[in-house]
């Protein structure tokens, strides 16, 4: 699996979206966090911002939907051209049907799990997804501290993917920085969402590269 660095634009200056995307052009995708103030206690950007990211043509859009009723709303993000659309297992009524619909629309389908959600029920369904997002903080707010106790979940997920011979990303989101990315990579994560660490650094481009190098050195397949 290749290392994927996915800066969260939640921490960027939306008044200068093109400039902010240019700063992270060395990343693989731009991570778009969508919150509805229902599934999580915060309200953020939505489909128009995802479309604006795509329109800039600098980075593909990797969308994380922290929303209720993704069965209804997620397909619009695939139709808009997001390369990856991730929805929460806790919110979807029919996650397999939704994942298949997203794939049919041309997007990669991601399944996100809150910290307290057990990954075990989904391990036999891994072939239905292109990405499993193990939240390493509670979803809904940026700048939280990394939850170390999520590393065993990352390991179980990667072990199951490897045993099944599948090409599925393990993404981690929350508290990812130079101080934590090596442990997450060593546990089996290959896809890393980082917002505060990148956009609040003095040089976002250099931070993207530093995170990539640390993850590549520590990653275990």
N, C-alpha and C. Protein backbone atom coordinates (compact mmCIF):
# COMPACT_ATOMS: atom_id res chain seq x y z
N UNK A 1 0.85 -1.20 0.00
CA UNK A 1 0.00 0.00 0.00
C UNK A 1 0.88 1.24 0.00
N UNK A 2 0.51 2.22 -0.81
CA UNK A 2 1.25 3.47 -0.81
C UNK A 2 0.80 4.38 0.32
N UNK A 3 1.70 5.25 0.74
CA UNK A 3 1.38 6.22 1.78
C UNK A 3 0.58 7.37 1.16
N UNK A 4 -0.50 7.75 1.83
CA UNK A 4 -1.36 8.84 1.36
C UNK A 4 -1.42 9.91 2.45
N UNK A 5 -1.07 11.13 2.09
CA UNK A 5 -1.19 12.27 3.00
C UNK A 5 -2.38 13.11 2.56
N UNK A 6 -3.31 13.30 3.48
CA UNK A 6 -4.60 13.92 3.18
C UNK A 6 -4.84 15.10 4.12
N UNK A 7 -4.31 16.28 3.80
CA UNK A 7 -4.50 17.44 4.69
C UNK A 7 -5.97 17.85 4.78
N UNK A 8 -6.43 18.05 5.99
CA UNK A 8 -7.80 18.49 6.20
C UNK A 8 -7.91 20.00 6.00
N UNK A 9 -8.73 20.41 5.04
CA UNK A 9 -8.86 21.84 4.76
C UNK A 9 -9.75 22.54 5.79
N UNK A 10 -10.28 21.78 6.75
CA UNK A 10 -11.06 22.40 7.82
C UNK A 10 -10.23 23.46 8.54
N UNK A 11 -8.93 23.28 8.55
CA UNK A 11 -8.03 24.19 9.25
C UNK A 11 -7.44 25.27 8.33
N UNK A 12 -7.95 25.36 7.10
CA UNK A 12 -7.41 26.31 6.14
C UNK A 12 -8.22 27.60 6.11
N UNK A 13 -7.74 28.54 5.31
CA UNK A 13 -8.41 29.82 5.11
C UNK A 13 -9.32 29.69 3.89
N UNK A 14 -10.61 29.57 4.11
CA UNK A 14 -11.54 29.38 2.99
C UNK A 14 -11.66 30.63 2.11
N UNK A 15 -11.23 31.76 2.63
CA UNK A 15 -11.24 32.98 1.83
C UNK A 15 -10.16 32.98 0.77
N UNK A 16 -9.22 32.03 0.89
CA UNK A 16 -8.13 31.91 -0.08
C UNK A 16 -7.93 30.43 -0.40
N UNK A 17 -9.00 29.78 -0.84
CA UNK A 17 -8.98 28.34 -1.01
C UNK A 17 -7.90 27.91 -2.01
N UNK A 18 -7.80 28.60 -3.13
CA UNK A 18 -6.81 28.21 -4.12
C UNK A 18 -5.39 28.32 -3.55
N UNK A 19 -5.14 29.40 -2.83
CA UNK A 19 -3.83 29.58 -2.23
C UNK A 19 -3.52 28.51 -1.20
N UNK A 20 -4.51 28.15 -0.42
CA UNK A 20 -4.31 27.12 0.60
C UNK A 20 -4.06 25.75 -0.03
N UNK A 21 -4.79 25.45 -1.09
CA UNK A 21 -4.57 24.18 -1.79
C UNK A 21 -3.19 24.15 -2.44
N UNK A 22 -2.76 25.28 -2.95
CA UNK A 22 -1.43 25.35 -3.56
C UNK A 22 -0.35 25.04 -2.54
N UNK A 23 -0.54 25.47 -1.30
CA UNK A 23 0.45 25.21 -0.25
C UNK A 23 0.63 23.71 0.00
N UNK A 24 -0.43 22.94 -0.23
CA UNK A 24 -0.38 21.50 0.07
C UNK A 24 -0.39 20.66 -1.20
N UNK A 25 0.02 21.26 -2.31
CA UNK A 25 -0.05 20.58 -3.60
C UNK A 25 0.78 19.30 -3.64
N UNK A 26 1.74 19.17 -2.73
CA UNK A 26 2.54 17.95 -2.67
C UNK A 26 1.86 16.80 -1.95
N UNK A 27 0.67 17.04 -1.41
CA UNK A 27 -0.12 15.98 -0.77
C UNK A 27 -0.78 15.14 -1.86
N UNK A 28 -1.52 14.13 -1.44
CA UNK A 28 -2.18 13.24 -2.40
C UNK A 28 -3.62 13.64 -2.68
N UNK A 29 -4.31 14.11 -1.65
CA UNK A 29 -5.70 14.55 -1.77
C UNK A 29 -5.93 15.67 -0.76
N UNK A 30 -7.01 16.40 -0.95
CA UNK A 30 -7.47 17.37 0.05
C UNK A 30 -8.64 16.75 0.80
N UNK A 31 -8.55 16.71 2.11
CA UNK A 31 -9.58 16.08 2.94
C UNK A 31 -10.65 17.11 3.28
N UNK A 32 -11.88 16.82 2.91
CA UNK A 32 -13.01 17.73 3.11
C UNK A 32 -13.91 17.17 4.20
N UNK A 33 -13.91 17.81 5.37
CA UNK A 33 -14.72 17.36 6.50
C UNK A 33 -16.10 18.03 6.47
N UNK A 34 -17.13 17.22 6.36
CA UNK A 34 -18.50 17.73 6.29
C UNK A 34 -19.23 17.35 7.58
N UNK A 35 -19.70 18.34 8.32
CA UNK A 35 -20.40 18.13 9.59
C UNK A 35 -21.76 18.81 9.53
N UNK A 36 -22.77 18.16 10.12
CA UNK A 36 -24.14 18.66 9.97
C UNK A 36 -24.78 19.19 11.25
N UNK A 37 -24.02 19.22 12.36
CA UNK A 37 -24.55 19.67 13.65
C UNK A 37 -25.66 18.74 14.17
N UNK A 38 -25.70 17.52 13.67
CA UNK A 38 -26.64 16.51 14.15
C UNK A 38 -25.88 15.23 14.51
N UNK A 39 -25.19 14.66 13.54
CA UNK A 39 -24.38 13.48 13.84
C UNK A 39 -23.22 13.85 14.74
N UNK A 40 -22.67 15.02 14.53
CA UNK A 40 -21.63 15.57 15.40
C UNK A 40 -22.06 16.97 15.83
N UNK A 41 -21.59 17.44 16.99
CA UNK A 41 -22.04 18.75 17.51
C UNK A 41 -21.26 19.91 16.92
N UNK A 42 -21.21 19.97 15.61
CA UNK A 42 -20.54 21.08 14.94
C UNK A 42 -21.10 21.17 13.53
N UNK A 43 -20.96 22.33 12.93
CA UNK A 43 -21.46 22.58 11.58
C UNK A 43 -20.30 23.09 10.75
N UNK A 44 -20.09 22.48 9.60
CA UNK A 44 -18.96 22.91 8.76
C UNK A 44 -19.39 22.98 7.31
N UNK A 45 -18.43 22.84 6.44
CA UNK A 45 -18.61 22.97 5.00
C UNK A 45 -19.43 21.82 4.43
N UNK A 46 -19.89 21.99 3.20
CA UNK A 46 -20.70 20.97 2.56
C UNK A 46 -20.33 20.80 1.10
N UNK A 47 -21.29 20.37 0.32
CA UNK A 47 -21.07 20.03 -1.08
C UNK A 47 -20.47 21.18 -1.90
N UNK A 48 -20.92 22.44 -1.73
CA UNK A 48 -20.33 23.52 -2.54
C UNK A 48 -18.82 23.67 -2.35
N UNK A 49 -18.32 23.45 -1.14
CA UNK A 49 -16.87 23.56 -0.91
C UNK A 49 -16.15 22.37 -1.54
N UNK A 50 -16.73 21.18 -1.44
CA UNK A 50 -16.13 20.03 -2.11
C UNK A 50 -16.05 20.28 -3.61
N UNK A 51 -17.10 20.83 -4.18
CA UNK A 51 -17.11 21.16 -5.61
C UNK A 51 -16.07 22.21 -5.94
N UNK A 52 -15.88 23.18 -5.03
CA UNK A 52 -14.89 24.23 -5.25
C UNK A 52 -13.47 23.65 -5.24
N UNK A 53 -13.21 22.70 -4.34
CA UNK A 53 -11.91 22.04 -4.31
C UNK A 53 -11.65 21.32 -5.63
N UNK A 54 -12.63 20.60 -6.10
CA UNK A 54 -12.50 19.86 -7.35
C UNK A 54 -12.26 20.83 -8.51
N UNK A 55 -12.98 21.93 -8.52
CA UNK A 55 -12.87 22.91 -9.61
C UNK A 55 -11.47 23.50 -9.71
N UNK A 56 -10.78 23.65 -8.59
CA UNK A 56 -9.44 24.23 -8.62
C UNK A 56 -8.46 23.35 -9.38
N UNK A 57 -8.68 22.04 -9.40
CA UNK A 57 -7.83 21.13 -10.15
C UNK A 57 -6.44 20.94 -9.58
N UNK A 58 -6.26 21.28 -8.31
CA UNK A 58 -4.94 21.14 -7.67
C UNK A 58 -4.79 19.78 -7.00
N UNK A 59 -5.81 19.37 -6.26
CA UNK A 59 -5.81 18.08 -5.59
C UNK A 59 -7.20 17.46 -5.69
N UNK A 60 -7.29 16.14 -5.76
CA UNK A 60 -8.59 15.48 -5.68
C UNK A 60 -9.21 15.69 -4.31
N UNK A 61 -10.50 15.55 -4.22
CA UNK A 61 -11.23 15.73 -2.95
C UNK A 61 -11.54 14.37 -2.31
N UNK A 62 -11.11 14.24 -1.07
CA UNK A 62 -11.39 13.07 -0.23
C UNK A 62 -12.36 13.54 0.83
N UNK A 63 -13.61 13.11 0.73
CA UNK A 63 -14.66 13.68 1.58
C UNK A 63 -15.03 12.74 2.72
N UNK A 64 -15.09 13.31 3.92
CA UNK A 64 -15.47 12.58 5.13
C UNK A 64 -16.80 13.16 5.62
N UNK A 65 -17.85 12.37 5.50
CA UNK A 65 -19.20 12.83 5.85
C UNK A 65 -19.54 12.45 7.28
N UNK A 66 -19.49 13.45 8.15
CA UNK A 66 -19.92 13.27 9.55
C UNK A 66 -21.34 13.80 9.65
N UNK A 67 -22.26 13.05 9.02
CA UNK A 67 -23.63 13.53 8.87
C UNK A 67 -24.62 12.40 9.11
N UNK A 68 -25.82 12.79 9.47
CA UNK A 68 -26.93 11.85 9.50
C UNK A 68 -27.42 11.58 8.08
N UNK A 69 -28.02 10.44 7.88
CA UNK A 69 -28.63 10.05 6.61
C UNK A 69 -27.66 10.11 5.42
N UNK A 70 -26.47 9.52 5.55
CA UNK A 70 -25.56 9.50 4.40
C UNK A 70 -26.13 8.71 3.23
N UNK A 71 -27.04 7.77 3.50
CA UNK A 71 -27.66 7.01 2.42
C UNK A 71 -28.31 7.95 1.40
N UNK A 72 -28.81 9.07 1.90
CA UNK A 72 -29.45 10.05 1.03
C UNK A 72 -28.46 11.03 0.42
N UNK A 73 -27.50 11.51 1.23
CA UNK A 73 -26.67 12.64 0.82
C UNK A 73 -25.33 12.28 0.21
N UNK A 74 -24.79 11.13 0.55
CA UNK A 74 -23.44 10.78 0.07
C UNK A 74 -23.32 10.69 -1.45
N UNK A 75 -24.29 10.11 -2.15
CA UNK A 75 -24.12 9.99 -3.60
C UNK A 75 -23.86 11.30 -4.33
N UNK A 76 -24.37 12.41 -3.82
CA UNK A 76 -24.15 13.69 -4.48
C UNK A 76 -22.67 14.05 -4.51
N UNK A 77 -21.93 13.63 -3.49
CA UNK A 77 -20.49 13.92 -3.46
C UNK A 77 -19.75 13.09 -4.50
N UNK A 78 -20.20 11.87 -4.71
CA UNK A 78 -19.61 11.05 -5.77
C UNK A 78 -19.95 11.63 -7.14
N UNK A 79 -21.17 12.05 -7.31
CA UNK A 79 -21.59 12.65 -8.58
C UNK A 79 -20.82 13.93 -8.87
N UNK A 80 -20.43 14.65 -7.81
CA UNK A 80 -19.69 15.90 -7.98
C UNK A 80 -18.25 15.66 -8.41
N UNK A 81 -17.75 14.44 -8.19
CA UNK A 81 -16.40 14.12 -8.61
C UNK A 81 -15.42 13.87 -7.49
N UNK A 82 -15.87 13.74 -6.24
CA UNK A 82 -14.96 13.38 -5.16
C UNK A 82 -14.38 11.99 -5.42
N UNK A 83 -13.08 11.85 -5.26
CA UNK A 83 -12.46 10.56 -5.56
C UNK A 83 -12.76 9.53 -4.47
N UNK A 84 -12.99 10.01 -3.27
CA UNK A 84 -13.32 9.13 -2.16
C UNK A 84 -14.43 9.75 -1.34
N UNK A 85 -15.44 8.96 -1.01
CA UNK A 85 -16.54 9.43 -0.17
C UNK A 85 -16.65 8.47 1.00
N UNK A 86 -16.37 8.99 2.19
CA UNK A 86 -16.41 8.18 3.41
C UNK A 86 -17.60 8.58 4.27
N UNK A 87 -18.38 7.59 4.68
CA UNK A 87 -19.53 7.82 5.54
C UNK A 87 -19.38 7.00 6.81
N UNK A 88 -20.15 7.34 7.83
CA UNK A 88 -20.01 6.66 9.11
C UNK A 88 -20.91 5.44 9.21
N UNK A 89 -20.30 4.36 9.72
CA UNK A 89 -21.05 3.12 9.95
C UNK A 89 -22.21 3.36 10.90
N UNK A 90 -22.02 4.26 11.86
CA UNK A 90 -23.06 4.52 12.87
C UNK A 90 -24.26 5.27 12.30
N UNK A 91 -24.09 5.90 11.14
CA UNK A 91 -25.16 6.73 10.57
C UNK A 91 -25.87 6.09 9.39
N UNK A 92 -25.21 5.17 8.71
CA UNK A 92 -25.79 4.58 7.50
C UNK A 92 -26.81 3.50 7.84
N UNK A 93 -27.91 3.50 7.13
CA UNK A 93 -28.94 2.47 7.29
C UNK A 93 -28.54 1.20 6.53
N UNK A 94 -28.01 1.39 5.33
CA UNK A 94 -27.63 0.26 4.49
C UNK A 94 -26.23 0.50 3.93
N UNK A 95 -25.19 0.29 4.74
CA UNK A 95 -23.84 0.66 4.32
C UNK A 95 -23.33 -0.07 3.09
N UNK A 96 -23.68 -1.33 2.92
CA UNK A 96 -23.21 -2.07 1.74
C UNK A 96 -23.87 -1.52 0.49
N UNK A 97 -25.15 -1.30 0.54
CA UNK A 97 -25.85 -0.73 -0.61
C UNK A 97 -25.29 0.64 -0.97
N UNK A 98 -25.01 1.45 0.06
CA UNK A 98 -24.48 2.79 -0.19
C UNK A 98 -23.07 2.70 -0.79
N UNK A 99 -22.23 1.84 -0.25
CA UNK A 99 -20.88 1.69 -0.80
C UNK A 99 -20.92 1.27 -2.26
N UNK A 100 -21.80 0.36 -2.59
CA UNK A 100 -21.91 -0.08 -3.98
C UNK A 100 -22.40 1.05 -4.88
N UNK A 101 -23.31 1.86 -4.37
CA UNK A 101 -23.80 2.98 -5.16
C UNK A 101 -22.68 4.00 -5.41
N UNK A 102 -21.88 4.28 -4.38
CA UNK A 102 -20.78 5.22 -4.53
C UNK A 102 -19.78 4.72 -5.57
N UNK A 103 -19.48 3.44 -5.52
CA UNK A 103 -18.56 2.86 -6.51
C UNK A 103 -19.14 2.94 -7.91
N UNK A 104 -20.43 2.68 -8.02
CA UNK A 104 -21.08 2.74 -9.33
C UNK A 104 -21.00 4.14 -9.91
N UNK A 105 -21.00 5.15 -9.04
CA UNK A 105 -20.92 6.54 -9.46
C UNK A 105 -19.48 7.00 -9.71
N UNK A 106 -18.52 6.11 -9.48
CA UNK A 106 -17.13 6.41 -9.81
C UNK A 106 -16.25 6.82 -8.66
N UNK A 107 -16.76 6.79 -7.43
CA UNK A 107 -15.96 7.16 -6.26
C UNK A 107 -15.50 5.91 -5.52
N UNK A 108 -14.43 6.06 -4.77
CA UNK A 108 -14.03 5.02 -3.84
C UNK A 108 -14.90 5.16 -2.60
N UNK A 109 -15.31 4.03 -2.03
CA UNK A 109 -16.22 4.04 -0.89
C UNK A 109 -15.46 3.81 0.40
N UNK A 110 -15.63 4.73 1.36
CA UNK A 110 -14.98 4.61 2.65
C UNK A 110 -15.96 4.43 3.78
N UNK A 111 -15.58 3.65 4.78
CA UNK A 111 -16.40 3.43 5.96
C UNK A 111 -15.65 3.95 7.17
N UNK A 112 -16.26 4.88 7.91
CA UNK A 112 -15.63 5.48 9.08
C UNK A 112 -16.21 4.89 10.36
N UNK A 113 -15.35 4.76 11.37
CA UNK A 113 -15.75 4.21 12.66
C UNK A 113 -15.34 5.17 13.77
N UNK A 114 -16.29 5.55 14.62
CA UNK A 114 -15.97 6.37 15.78
C UNK A 114 -15.09 5.55 16.73
N UNK A 115 -14.40 6.20 17.66
CA UNK A 115 -13.50 5.45 18.55
C UNK A 115 -14.16 4.29 19.29
N UNK A 116 -15.40 4.44 19.71
CA UNK A 116 -16.05 3.38 20.49
C UNK A 116 -16.71 2.31 19.63
N UNK A 117 -16.66 2.45 18.32
CA UNK A 117 -17.30 1.48 17.42
C UNK A 117 -16.34 0.35 17.11
N UNK A 118 -16.78 -0.88 17.35
CA UNK A 118 -15.96 -2.07 17.11
C UNK A 118 -15.85 -2.33 15.61
N UNK A 119 -14.66 -2.60 15.14
CA UNK A 119 -14.46 -2.90 13.72
C UNK A 119 -14.83 -4.34 13.38
N UNK A 120 -14.91 -5.22 14.37
CA UNK A 120 -15.09 -6.65 14.12
C UNK A 120 -16.28 -6.97 13.21
N UNK A 121 -17.48 -6.37 13.41
CA UNK A 121 -18.61 -6.72 12.54
C UNK A 121 -18.39 -6.42 11.06
N UNK A 122 -17.40 -5.59 10.75
CA UNK A 122 -17.18 -5.18 9.37
C UNK A 122 -16.02 -5.92 8.70
N UNK A 123 -15.30 -6.74 9.44
CA UNK A 123 -14.11 -7.37 8.88
C UNK A 123 -14.43 -8.38 7.79
N UNK A 124 -15.61 -8.99 7.83
CA UNK A 124 -16.01 -9.91 6.77
C UNK A 124 -16.57 -9.19 5.56
N UNK A 125 -16.70 -7.86 5.65
CA UNK A 125 -17.29 -7.07 4.57
C UNK A 125 -16.27 -6.15 3.90
N UNK A 126 -15.00 -6.36 4.19
CA UNK A 126 -13.97 -5.43 3.74
C UNK A 126 -13.92 -5.26 2.23
N UNK A 127 -14.25 -6.31 1.48
CA UNK A 127 -14.18 -6.21 0.03
C UNK A 127 -15.20 -5.22 -0.54
N UNK A 128 -16.16 -4.81 0.27
CA UNK A 128 -17.16 -3.85 -0.18
C UNK A 128 -16.66 -2.40 -0.09
N UNK A 129 -15.50 -2.21 0.53
CA UNK A 129 -15.00 -0.86 0.76
C UNK A 129 -13.60 -0.70 0.19
N UNK A 130 -13.26 0.54 -0.07
CA UNK A 130 -11.91 0.88 -0.56
C UNK A 130 -11.06 1.50 0.55
N UNK A 131 -11.71 1.89 1.63
CA UNK A 131 -11.02 2.58 2.72
C UNK A 131 -11.78 2.36 4.02
N UNK A 132 -11.05 2.09 5.08
CA UNK A 132 -11.63 2.05 6.41
C UNK A 132 -10.98 3.18 7.21
N UNK A 133 -11.80 4.08 7.70
CA UNK A 133 -11.31 5.21 8.49
C UNK A 133 -11.48 4.91 9.97
N UNK A 134 -10.36 4.74 10.66
CA UNK A 134 -10.38 4.56 12.10
C UNK A 134 -10.16 5.93 12.73
N UNK A 135 -11.23 6.47 13.31
CA UNK A 135 -11.11 7.79 13.95
C UNK A 135 -10.22 7.69 15.18
N UNK A 136 -9.21 8.53 15.25
CA UNK A 136 -8.30 8.54 16.39
C UNK A 136 -8.56 9.71 17.32
N UNK A 137 -9.71 10.36 17.10
CA UNK A 137 -10.31 11.32 18.03
C UNK A 137 -11.83 11.17 17.86
N UNK A 138 -12.59 11.79 18.73
CA UNK A 138 -14.02 11.83 18.51
C UNK A 138 -14.31 12.78 17.35
N UNK A 139 -15.12 12.36 16.38
CA UNK A 139 -15.37 13.23 15.23
C UNK A 139 -16.15 14.48 15.61
N UNK A 140 -15.84 15.57 14.90
CA UNK A 140 -16.62 16.79 15.09
C UNK A 140 -15.82 18.03 15.40
N UNK A 141 -14.59 17.88 15.83
CA UNK A 141 -13.77 19.03 16.18
C UNK A 141 -12.33 18.79 15.75
N UNK A 142 -11.67 19.84 15.28
CA UNK A 142 -10.25 19.76 14.95
C UNK A 142 -9.41 20.02 16.18
N UNK A 143 -8.14 19.65 16.10
CA UNK A 143 -7.19 19.99 17.16
C UNK A 143 -7.23 19.12 18.39
N UNK A 144 -7.91 17.95 18.35
CA UNK A 144 -7.95 17.08 19.51
C UNK A 144 -6.69 16.22 19.62
N UNK A 145 -6.47 15.67 20.80
CA UNK A 145 -5.31 14.82 21.03
C UNK A 145 -5.56 13.40 20.52
N UNK A 146 -4.54 12.81 19.96
CA UNK A 146 -4.56 11.45 19.43
C UNK A 146 -4.92 10.45 20.53
N UNK A 147 -5.85 9.53 20.22
CA UNK A 147 -6.25 8.50 21.18
C UNK A 147 -5.41 7.25 20.91
N UNK A 148 -4.43 7.03 21.76
CA UNK A 148 -3.48 5.92 21.59
C UNK A 148 -4.18 4.56 21.57
N UNK A 149 -5.29 4.45 22.28
CA UNK A 149 -6.00 3.17 22.38
C UNK A 149 -6.61 2.72 21.05
N UNK A 150 -6.57 3.57 20.03
CA UNK A 150 -7.09 3.17 18.72
C UNK A 150 -6.10 2.36 17.90
N UNK A 151 -4.85 2.30 18.33
CA UNK A 151 -3.84 1.58 17.55
C UNK A 151 -4.14 0.08 17.42
N UNK A 152 -4.64 -0.60 18.46
CA UNK A 152 -5.01 -2.00 18.27
C UNK A 152 -6.12 -2.18 17.22
N UNK A 153 -7.04 -1.23 17.13
CA UNK A 153 -8.08 -1.31 16.10
C UNK A 153 -7.46 -1.18 14.71
N UNK A 154 -6.50 -0.28 14.59
CA UNK A 154 -5.79 -0.13 13.32
C UNK A 154 -5.10 -1.45 12.95
N UNK A 155 -4.44 -2.07 13.92
CA UNK A 155 -3.74 -3.33 13.66
C UNK A 155 -4.71 -4.42 13.23
N UNK A 156 -5.84 -4.56 13.94
CA UNK A 156 -6.81 -5.59 13.59
C UNK A 156 -7.34 -5.38 12.18
N UNK A 157 -7.57 -4.13 11.84
CA UNK A 157 -8.09 -3.82 10.50
C UNK A 157 -7.07 -4.17 9.43
N UNK A 158 -5.82 -3.74 9.62
CA UNK A 158 -4.78 -4.05 8.63
C UNK A 158 -4.54 -5.55 8.54
N UNK A 159 -4.53 -6.25 9.67
CA UNK A 159 -4.32 -7.69 9.66
C UNK A 159 -5.41 -8.39 8.84
N UNK A 160 -6.65 -7.97 9.01
CA UNK A 160 -7.76 -8.59 8.28
C UNK A 160 -7.66 -8.30 6.79
N UNK A 161 -7.26 -7.09 6.44
CA UNK A 161 -7.09 -6.74 5.02
C UNK A 161 -5.99 -7.58 4.39
N UNK A 162 -4.89 -7.73 5.11
CA UNK A 162 -3.76 -8.51 4.60
C UNK A 162 -4.15 -9.97 4.42
N UNK A 163 -4.84 -10.53 5.40
CA UNK A 163 -5.26 -11.94 5.30
C UNK A 163 -6.18 -12.16 4.10
N UNK A 164 -7.02 -11.17 3.82
CA UNK A 164 -7.98 -11.30 2.72
C UNK A 164 -7.35 -10.97 1.37
N UNK A 165 -6.13 -10.45 1.37
CA UNK A 165 -5.46 -10.11 0.12
C UNK A 165 -6.12 -8.96 -0.60
N UNK A 166 -6.65 -8.00 0.15
CA UNK A 166 -7.38 -6.88 -0.43
C UNK A 166 -6.53 -5.63 -0.51
N UNK A 167 -6.92 -4.73 -1.39
CA UNK A 167 -6.25 -3.43 -1.54
C UNK A 167 -7.16 -2.36 -0.94
N UNK A 168 -7.14 -2.27 0.39
CA UNK A 168 -8.00 -1.35 1.12
C UNK A 168 -7.14 -0.44 1.98
N UNK A 169 -7.34 0.86 1.86
CA UNK A 169 -6.61 1.80 2.70
C UNK A 169 -7.10 1.73 4.14
N UNK A 170 -6.18 1.91 5.08
CA UNK A 170 -6.55 2.16 6.47
C UNK A 170 -6.18 3.61 6.75
N UNK A 171 -7.20 4.42 6.93
CA UNK A 171 -7.00 5.85 7.17
C UNK A 171 -7.18 6.15 8.65
N UNK A 172 -6.35 7.06 9.16
CA UNK A 172 -6.51 7.54 10.53
C UNK A 172 -6.71 9.05 10.48
N UNK A 173 -7.56 9.53 11.36
CA UNK A 173 -7.94 10.95 11.35
C UNK A 173 -8.10 11.41 12.78
N UNK A 174 -7.26 12.38 13.17
CA UNK A 174 -7.37 12.96 14.50
C UNK A 174 -6.06 12.92 15.25
N UNK A 175 -5.49 14.10 15.51
CA UNK A 175 -4.27 14.17 16.28
C UNK A 175 -3.04 13.67 15.55
N UNK A 176 -3.10 13.60 14.21
CA UNK A 176 -1.96 13.12 13.44
C UNK A 176 -0.95 14.25 13.27
N UNK A 177 0.28 13.96 13.65
CA UNK A 177 1.36 14.94 13.60
C UNK A 177 2.68 14.18 13.53
N UNK A 178 3.78 14.90 13.54
CA UNK A 178 5.08 14.24 13.57
C UNK A 178 5.23 13.35 14.80
N UNK A 179 4.55 13.72 15.87
CA UNK A 179 4.67 12.97 17.13
C UNK A 179 3.89 11.67 17.14
N UNK A 180 2.91 11.52 16.24
CA UNK A 180 2.02 10.35 16.29
C UNK A 180 2.01 9.51 15.02
N UNK A 181 2.43 10.07 13.90
CA UNK A 181 2.23 9.39 12.61
C UNK A 181 3.03 8.10 12.52
N UNK A 182 4.20 8.03 13.14
CA UNK A 182 4.99 6.81 13.05
C UNK A 182 4.30 5.65 13.76
N UNK A 183 3.69 5.89 14.89
CA UNK A 183 3.01 4.82 15.61
C UNK A 183 1.80 4.33 14.83
N UNK A 184 1.08 5.25 14.20
CA UNK A 184 -0.08 4.85 13.40
C UNK A 184 0.36 4.05 12.18
N UNK A 185 1.46 4.48 11.55
CA UNK A 185 1.97 3.75 10.37
C UNK A 185 2.47 2.37 10.76
N UNK A 186 3.16 2.28 11.89
CA UNK A 186 3.68 0.99 12.35
C UNK A 186 2.54 0.02 12.67
N UNK A 187 1.39 0.56 13.06
CA UNK A 187 0.23 -0.28 13.36
C UNK A 187 -0.48 -0.75 12.09
N UNK A 188 -0.20 -0.10 10.96
CA UNK A 188 -0.80 -0.53 9.70
C UNK A 188 -1.59 0.51 8.94
N UNK A 189 -1.67 1.73 9.46
CA UNK A 189 -2.34 2.80 8.71
C UNK A 189 -1.43 3.23 7.57
N UNK A 190 -2.03 3.51 6.42
CA UNK A 190 -1.24 4.02 5.28
C UNK A 190 -1.78 5.34 4.75
N UNK A 191 -2.89 5.80 5.31
CA UNK A 191 -3.57 7.00 4.82
C UNK A 191 -3.80 7.91 6.03
N UNK A 192 -3.27 9.13 5.96
CA UNK A 192 -3.20 9.98 7.15
C UNK A 192 -3.85 11.34 6.91
N UNK A 193 -4.83 11.66 7.74
CA UNK A 193 -5.48 12.97 7.71
C UNK A 193 -4.82 13.84 8.77
N UNK A 194 -4.33 14.99 8.37
CA UNK A 194 -3.71 15.93 9.31
C UNK A 194 -4.15 17.33 8.92
N UNK A 195 -4.67 18.06 9.89
CA UNK A 195 -5.12 19.42 9.62
C UNK A 195 -4.30 20.44 10.36
N UNK A 196 -4.44 20.46 11.67
CA UNK A 196 -3.73 21.43 12.50
C UNK A 196 -2.23 21.34 12.29
N UNK A 197 -1.69 20.13 12.26
CA UNK A 197 -0.24 19.96 12.13
C UNK A 197 0.30 20.56 10.84
N UNK A 198 -0.51 20.55 9.79
CA UNK A 198 -0.05 21.05 8.49
C UNK A 198 -0.33 22.54 8.34
N UNK A 199 -1.56 22.94 8.53
CA UNK A 199 -1.93 24.32 8.23
C UNK A 199 -1.47 25.32 9.29
N UNK A 200 -1.15 24.84 10.49
CA UNK A 200 -0.64 25.75 11.51
C UNK A 200 0.88 25.68 11.64
N UNK A 201 1.49 24.96 10.72
CA UNK A 201 2.94 24.94 10.69
C UNK A 201 3.42 26.16 9.91
N UNK A 202 4.68 26.46 10.01
CA UNK A 202 5.21 27.61 9.28
C UNK A 202 5.31 27.36 7.79
N UNK A 203 5.37 26.08 7.41
CA UNK A 203 5.55 25.72 6.00
C UNK A 203 4.75 24.46 5.71
N UNK A 204 3.47 24.60 5.28
CA UNK A 204 2.63 23.43 5.03
C UNK A 204 3.23 22.43 4.05
N UNK A 205 3.87 22.92 3.00
CA UNK A 205 4.47 22.01 2.02
C UNK A 205 5.55 21.14 2.65
N UNK A 206 6.39 21.76 3.46
CA UNK A 206 7.45 21.01 4.13
C UNK A 206 6.87 20.03 5.15
N UNK A 207 5.78 20.42 5.79
CA UNK A 207 5.16 19.53 6.78
C UNK A 207 4.56 18.31 6.11
N UNK A 208 3.94 18.50 4.96
CA UNK A 208 3.42 17.36 4.20
C UNK A 208 4.54 16.38 3.89
N UNK A 209 5.66 16.88 3.42
CA UNK A 209 6.78 16.02 3.07
C UNK A 209 7.37 15.33 4.29
N UNK A 210 7.47 16.06 5.40
CA UNK A 210 8.01 15.46 6.62
C UNK A 210 7.12 14.33 7.11
N UNK A 211 5.81 14.53 7.09
CA UNK A 211 4.88 13.49 7.52
C UNK A 211 4.97 12.27 6.60
N UNK A 212 5.09 12.53 5.31
CA UNK A 212 5.20 11.42 4.36
C UNK A 212 6.46 10.58 4.65
N UNK A 213 7.56 11.24 4.86
CA UNK A 213 8.82 10.52 5.10
C UNK A 213 8.76 9.71 6.39
N UNK A 214 8.17 10.28 7.43
CA UNK A 214 8.05 9.54 8.69
C UNK A 214 7.15 8.32 8.53
N UNK A 215 6.04 8.48 7.81
CA UNK A 215 5.12 7.37 7.61
C UNK A 215 5.74 6.28 6.75
N UNK A 216 6.43 6.65 5.70
CA UNK A 216 7.05 5.66 4.83
C UNK A 216 8.10 4.84 5.57
N UNK A 217 8.84 5.50 6.45
CA UNK A 217 9.87 4.78 7.19
C UNK A 217 9.30 3.82 8.23
N UNK A 218 8.12 4.16 8.76
CA UNK A 218 7.56 3.36 9.86
C UNK A 218 6.52 2.35 9.41
N UNK A 219 6.00 2.48 8.19
CA UNK A 219 4.85 1.66 7.77
C UNK A 219 5.18 0.18 7.73
N UNK A 220 4.22 -0.60 8.22
CA UNK A 220 4.30 -2.05 8.10
C UNK A 220 3.08 -2.51 7.34
N UNK A 221 3.30 -3.36 6.35
CA UNK A 221 2.19 -3.87 5.52
C UNK A 221 1.59 -5.10 6.16
